[in-house]
Amino acid sequence: MGSLVGRNLLAGAEPDVAADAGHPDPPPRMGFFTDTSVCIGCKACEVACKEWNAVPEDGLEFTGMSYDNTQGLGADTWRHVAFIEQNKPMGHAETGVEHGDGGPTDLRWLMASDVCKHCTHAACLDVCPTGSLFRTEFGTVVVQEDICNGCGYCIPACPYGVIDQRKGDGRAWKCTLCYDRLGAGMEPACAKACPTDSIQYGPLDELRERAAMRVDQLHGLGVDDARLYGHDPDDGVGGDGAFFLLLDEPEVYGLPPDPVVTTRDLPSMWRHAGMAAAAMLGGLAAVFAVHGRAGGGR
């Protein structure tokens, strides 16, 4: 299997996903850290992604969702900037009094640029029957559209709902973390275009350290809601190759609070299926043996 569900899901140490995928002497695992606290919603990342990867235009319809015209990730939206309008209760620092029902609130926008998570334990790799999905030497997960057969198995397998089939095409498409640019020593187009460094690209270990320091900094400034999402190698997907600093609960951003690799039970399922098949074959062999003895006595 392309993923590590069977071998490393319960292991204590974080796996070297590129080495386990067969890449000899791979470079450090690369990824994204998206700091939503400095996202200004400019959508430069969406535009840069489309331009570099020749992603089709996905509609300019009025959705009624503030300035969010793309609404979510899909085959034609590999970077999605969410605009979340929120009435946040004001606390002591703003009012000098406890807030409660009917108390003063402050209107704010939470903006966040979402993307494929390039999971450590990627269920999409497990279910792909053609090998179209593969793990790169950088630890990222890429779809080779030229050998995708359009079966769609990867779509329900993704715990984040990232992968999608393109209308009129049928094949699966998603963020490649600009695999072609990485091979040339360049950073992904979205990170290159981000004017505030909300999207940061680099070795995943370094990004995690940087993110932890950023959370400490925000807590020191009184932003107590700041927290990381997808950074923990001990979570249900073994940690994400693209993780986030959020200013509220993950559900507010449309992210699952406790994502779990959907193929985690595959090894035990195959084991039970093998045992059942062996038992069935043993039963058939016994039947044929009895039938053979009965026929020989005639």
Foldseek 3Di string as FASTA:
>chain_A
DLACLVPPLPPDDQDLSLVVNPDPPFDFAKFKEFEQVQDPQPCLLQVLQCVVVVQDDDDDDDDVQPNFRPVDAEQRTQKGKHWFWDWAADDCVVPVDHDDVVHHTDIDIRITIDHDFQFNGQLLCVPQPFNQWHQDSNSGIAGNQVRFPLPCPSQVQGLFNRWYADPPRSGIHHDRQPVVQVVVVHGRRSCVRRPRNSMDMDRLVVSLVVLVVVQVVVVVVVLPQWDKAQDACNAQRRGTSHIYTGSHQVVSVVGDRGGHRNCSCVVVVVVVVVVVVVVVVVVVVVVVVVVVVVVVVD
